[in-house]
C-alpha atoms as a PDB file:
ATOM      1  CA  MET A   1      30.023-120.164 -75.888  1.00  0.00           C
ATOM      2  CA  ALA A   2      29.360-123.691 -74.680  1.00  0.00           C
ATOM      3  CA  SER A   3      31.162-126.661 -76.150  1.00  0.00           C
ATOM      4  CA  LYS A   4      29.504-128.887 -78.728  1.00  0.00           C
ATOM      5  CA  SER A   5      29.055-131.680 -76.197  1.00  0.00           C
ATOM      6  CA  ALA A   6      27.340-129.273 -73.758  1.00  0.00           C
ATOM      7  CA  GLN A   7      24.985-128.097 -76.507  1.00  0.00           C
ATOM      8  CA  LYS A   8      24.163-131.680 -77.422  1.00  0.00           C
ATOM      9  CA  ALA A   9      23.538-132.565 -73.763  1.00  0.00           C
ATOM     10  CA  ALA A  10      21.196-129.569 -73.458  1.00  0.00           C
ATOM     11  CA  ARG A  11      19.243-130.691 -76.531  1.00  0.00           C
ATOM     12  CA  ALA A  12      18.958-134.252 -75.215  1.00  0.00           C
ATOM     13  CA  SER A  13      17.848-132.994 -71.809  1.00  0.00           C
ATOM     14  CA  ALA A  14      15.137-130.860 -73.424  1.00  0.00           C
ATOM     15  CA  LYS A  15      13.847-133.873 -75.388  1.00  0.00           C
ATOM     16  CA  ARG A  16      13.741-136.060 -72.265  1.00  0.00           C
ATOM     17  CA  ARG A  17      11.962-133.317 -70.322  1.00  0.00           C
ATOM     18  CA  GLU A  18       9.291-132.987 -73.027  1.00  0.00           C
ATOM     19  CA  ARG A  19       8.728-136.756 -73.185  1.00  0.00           C
ATOM     20  CA  GLY A  20       8.565-137.093 -69.425  1.00  0.00           C
ATOM     21  CA  ARG A  21       6.214-134.157 -68.894  1.00  0.00           C
ATOM     22  CA  SER A  22       3.174-135.824 -70.477  1.00  0.00           C
ATOM     23  CA  ILE A  23       3.804-139.119 -68.686  1.00  0.00           C
ATOM     24  CA  ARG A  24       4.256-137.400 -65.302  1.00  0.00           C
ATOM     25  CA  SER A  25       1.079-135.405 -65.887  1.00  0.00           C
ATOM     26  CA  GLN A  26      -0.880-138.540 -66.755  1.00  0.00           C
ATOM     27  CA  VAL A  27       0.394-140.328 -63.630  1.00  0.00           C
ATOM     28  CA  LYS A  28      -0.724-137.403 -61.455  1.00  0.00           C
ATOM     29  CA  THR A  29      -4.151-137.442 -63.111  1.00  0.00           C
ATOM     30  CA  TYR A  30      -4.581-141.168 -62.429  1.00  0.00           C
ATOM     31  CA  ILE A  31      -3.601-140.661 -58.785  1.00  0.00           C
ATOM     32  CA  ASP A  32      -6.081-137.762 -58.388  1.00  0.00           C
ATOM     33  CA  ILE A  33      -8.914-139.793 -59.914  1.00  0.00           C
ATOM     34  CA  ALA A  34      -8.176-142.731 -57.609  1.00  0.00           C
ATOM     35  CA  GLU A  35      -8.078-140.511 -54.510  1.00  0.00           C
ATOM     36  CA  LYS A  36     -11.395-138.864 -55.419  1.00  0.00           C
ATOM     37  CA  LEU A  37     -13.083-142.236 -55.858  1.00  0.00           C
ATOM     38  CA  ILE A  38     -11.682-143.425 -52.535  1.00  0.00           C
ATOM     39  CA  ALA A  39     -13.044-140.303 -50.835  1.00  0.00           C
ATOM     40  CA  GLU A  40     -16.478-140.843 -52.425  1.00  0.00           C
ATOM     41  CA  GLY A  41     -16.559-144.410 -51.115  1.00  0.00           C
ATOM     42  CA  ASP A  42     -17.037-146.138 -54.473  1.00  0.00           C
ATOM     43  CA  THR A  43     -14.820-149.134 -53.710  1.00  0.00           C
ATOM     44  CA  LYS A  44     -15.130-151.041 -56.994  1.00  0.00           C
ATOM     45  CA  ALA A  45     -14.337-148.011 -59.135  1.00  0.00           C
ATOM     46  CA  ALA A  46     -11.613-146.968 -56.698  1.00  0.00           C
ATOM     47  CA  GLN A  47      -9.932-150.379 -56.924  1.00  0.00           C
ATOM     48  CA  SER A  48      -9.774-150.238 -60.706  1.00  0.00           C
ATOM     49  CA  ALA A  49      -8.547-146.621 -60.614  1.00  0.00           C
ATOM     50  CA  VAL A  50      -5.840-147.533 -58.091  1.00  0.00           C
ATOM     51  CA  ALA A  51      -4.740-150.428 -60.300  1.00  0.00           C
ATOM     52  CA  THR A  52      -4.458-148.044 -63.265  1.00  0.00           C
ATOM     53  CA  ALA A  53      -2.495-145.524 -61.196  1.00  0.00           C
ATOM     54  CA  VAL A  54      -0.122-148.214 -59.876  1.00  0.00           C
ATOM     55  CA  SER A  55       0.473-149.462 -63.411  1.00  0.00           C
ATOM     56  CA  ALA A  56       1.230-145.927 -64.620  1.00  0.00           C
ATOM     57  CA  LEU A  57       3.604-145.358 -61.704  1.00  0.00           C
ATOM     58  CA  ASP A  58       5.458-148.599 -62.483  1.00  0.00           C
ATOM     59  CA  LYS A  59       5.803-147.681 -66.171  1.00  0.00           C
ATOM     60  CA  ALA A  60       7.098-144.207 -65.316  1.00  0.00           C
ATOM     61  CA  ALA A  61       9.618-145.703 -62.906  1.00  0.00           C
ATOM     62  CA  SER A  62      10.792-148.263 -65.462  1.00  0.00           C
ATOM     63  CA  LYS A  63      11.374-145.475 -68.023  1.00  0.00           C
ATOM     64  CA  LYS A  64      13.330-143.485 -65.388  1.00  0.00           C
ATOM     65  CA  ILE A  65      10.808-140.641 -65.579  1.00  0.00           C
ATOM     66  CA  LEU A  66      10.136-141.038 -61.843  1.00  0.00           C
ATOM     67  CA  HIS A  67      12.634-142.386 -59.354  1.00  0.00           C
ATOM     68  CA  SER A  68      11.717-145.892 -58.255  1.00  0.00           C
ATOM     69  CA  SER A  69      11.512-144.810 -54.589  1.00  0.00           C
ATOM     70  CA  ASN A  70       9.170-141.963 -55.516  1.00  0.00           C
ATOM     71  CA  ALA A  71       6.880-144.358 -57.410  1.00  0.00           C
ATOM     72  CA  SER A  72       6.941-146.863 -54.544  1.00  0.00           C
ATOM     73  CA  ARG A  73       6.078-144.164 -52.023  1.00  0.00           C
ATOM     74  CA  HIS A  74       3.093-142.991 -54.088  1.00  0.00           C
ATOM     75  CA  LYS A  75       1.857-146.563 -54.562  1.00  0.00           C
ATOM     76  CA  SER A  76       2.146-147.298 -50.856  1.00  0.00           C
ATOM     77  CA  ARG A  77       0.230-144.187 -49.827  1.00  0.00           C
ATOM     78  CA  LEU A  78      -2.475-144.797 -52.406  1.00  0.00           C
ATOM     79  CA  LEU A  79      -3.000-148.427 -51.361  1.00  0.00           C
ATOM     80  CA  LYS A  80      -3.023-147.437 -47.686  1.00  0.00           C
ATOM     81  CA  LYS A  81      -5.825-144.946 -48.401  1.00  0.00           C
ATOM     82  CA  LEU A  82      -7.759-147.586 -50.325  1.00  0.00           C
ATOM     83  CA  ASN A  83      -7.479-150.129 -47.507  1.00  0.00           C
ATOM     84  CA  LYS A  84      -8.540-147.609 -44.838  1.00  0.00           C
ATOM     85  CA  ALA A  85     -11.502-146.308 -46.844  1.00  0.00           C
ATOM     86  CA  PRO A  86     -14.959-147.327 -45.594  1.00  0.00           C
ATOM     87  CA  ALA A  87     -17.362-148.974 -47.980  1.00  0.00           C
ATOM     88  CA  LYS A  88     -19.662-145.934 -47.916  1.00  0.00           C
ATOM     89  CA  PRO A  89     -19.325-142.517 -46.316  1.00  0.00           C
ATOM     90  CA  LYS A  90     -20.772-142.316 -42.803  1.00  0.00           C
ATOM     91  CA  ALA A  91     -23.417-139.760 -43.825  1.00  0.00           C
ATOM     92  CA  GLU A  92     -25.099-142.266 -46.141  1.00  0.00           C
ATOM     93  CA  ALA A  93     -24.836-145.155 -43.677  1.00  0.00           C
ATOM     94  CA  ILE A  94     -27.222-143.518 -41.162  1.00  0.00           C
ATOM     95  CA  PRO A  95     -30.894-144.168 -42.008  1.00  0.00           C
ATOM     96  CA  LYS A  96     -33.013-141.059 -42.611  1.00  0.00           C
ATOM     97  CA  ALA A  97     -35.333-141.667 -39.650  1.00  0.00           C
ATOM     98  CA  GLU A  98     -32.426-141.662 -37.209  1.00  0.00           C
ATOM     99  CA  SER A  99     -30.821-138.586 -38.717  1.00  0.00           C
ATOM    100  CA  GLU A 100     -34.130-136.660 -38.552  1.00  0.00           C
ATOM    101  CA  ALA A 101     -34.657-137.661 -34.923  1.00  0.00           C
ATOM    102  CA  LYS A 102     -31.171-136.450 -34.042  1.00  0.00           C
ATOM    103  CA  ALA A 103     -31.748-133.157 -35.838  1.00  0.00           C
ATOM    104  CA  GLU A 104     -34.807-132.267 -33.713  1.00  0.00           C
ATOM    105  CA  PRO A 105     -34.237-130.198 -30.587  1.00  0.00           C
ATOM    106  CA  LYS A 106     -34.565-132.058 -27.304  1.00  0.00           C
ATOM    107  CA  THR A 107     -37.651-130.106 -26.216  1.00  0.00           C
ATOM    108  CA  LYS A 108     -39.630-131.236 -29.237  1.00  0.00           C
ATOM    109  CA  ALA A 109     -38.553-134.818 -28.737  1.00  0.00           C
ATOM    110  CA  LYS A 110     -39.643-134.679 -25.084  1.00  0.00           C
ATOM    111  CA  SER A 111     -43.007-133.158 -25.952  1.00  0.00           C
ATOM    112  CA  LYS A 112     -43.590-135.861 -28.585  1.00  0.00           C
ATOM    113  CA  ALA A 113     -42.758-138.546 -26.040  1.00  0.00           C
ATOM    114  CA  LYS A 114     -45.227-137.023 -23.553  1.00  0.00           C
ATOM    115  CA  ALA A 115     -47.930-136.812 -26.213  1.00  0.00           C
ATOM    116  CA  LYS A 116     -47.415-140.462 -27.106  1.00  0.00           C
ATOM    117  CA  SER A 117     -47.590-141.556 -23.488  1.00  0.00           C
ATOM    118  CA  LYS A 118     -50.799-139.534 -22.931  1.00  0.00           C
ATOM    119  CA  SER A 119     -52.437-140.937 -26.048  1.00  0.00           C
ATOM    120  CA  LYS A 120     -51.583-144.459 -24.905  1.00  0.00           C
ATOM    121  CA  ALA A 121     -52.887-143.820 -21.397  1.00  0.00           C
ATOM    122  CA  GLU A 122     -56.253-142.410 -22.520  1.00  0.00           C
ATOM    123  CA  PRO A 123     -57.460-145.527 -24.378  1.00  0.00           C
ATOM    124  CA  LYS A 124     -56.625-147.666 -21.356  1.00  0.00           C
ATOM    125  CA  ALA A 125     -58.661-145.436 -19.115  1.00  0.00           C
ATOM    126  CA  GLU A 126     -61.660-145.792 -21.435  1.00  0.00           C
ATOM    127  CA  LYS A 127     -61.438-149.591 -21.382  1.00  0.00           C
ATOM    128  CA  THR A 128     -61.547-149.796 -17.574  1.00  0.00           C
ATOM    129  CA  GLU A 129     -64.699-147.728 -17.270  1.00  0.00           C
END
């Protein structure tokens, strides 16, 4: 049988673990939300989500739920992702006309170019006659 002090320490540890579990879970959720917004390219929403996540990490570190180095590492990685993120994903940045032209096979593009050059040449021939 364990001593009374060991039993008391076990009870205290269980209480701390229960209190810390919800806070740790909430911190992870804030980090996930921020990373998803960064990946989507929504910079304004991502900035506010990162600020919320950083605040939660600082609170968890101050309550000794997370080690201060662990919180600092997560904050650093999150801010690095935010700073590297483009304003919008590259797929949306390309205009539709350019993306459709790139999607066409080269043979069709060549035949369209020939058709355009022929149609331009025919009206000129009519004018000279």
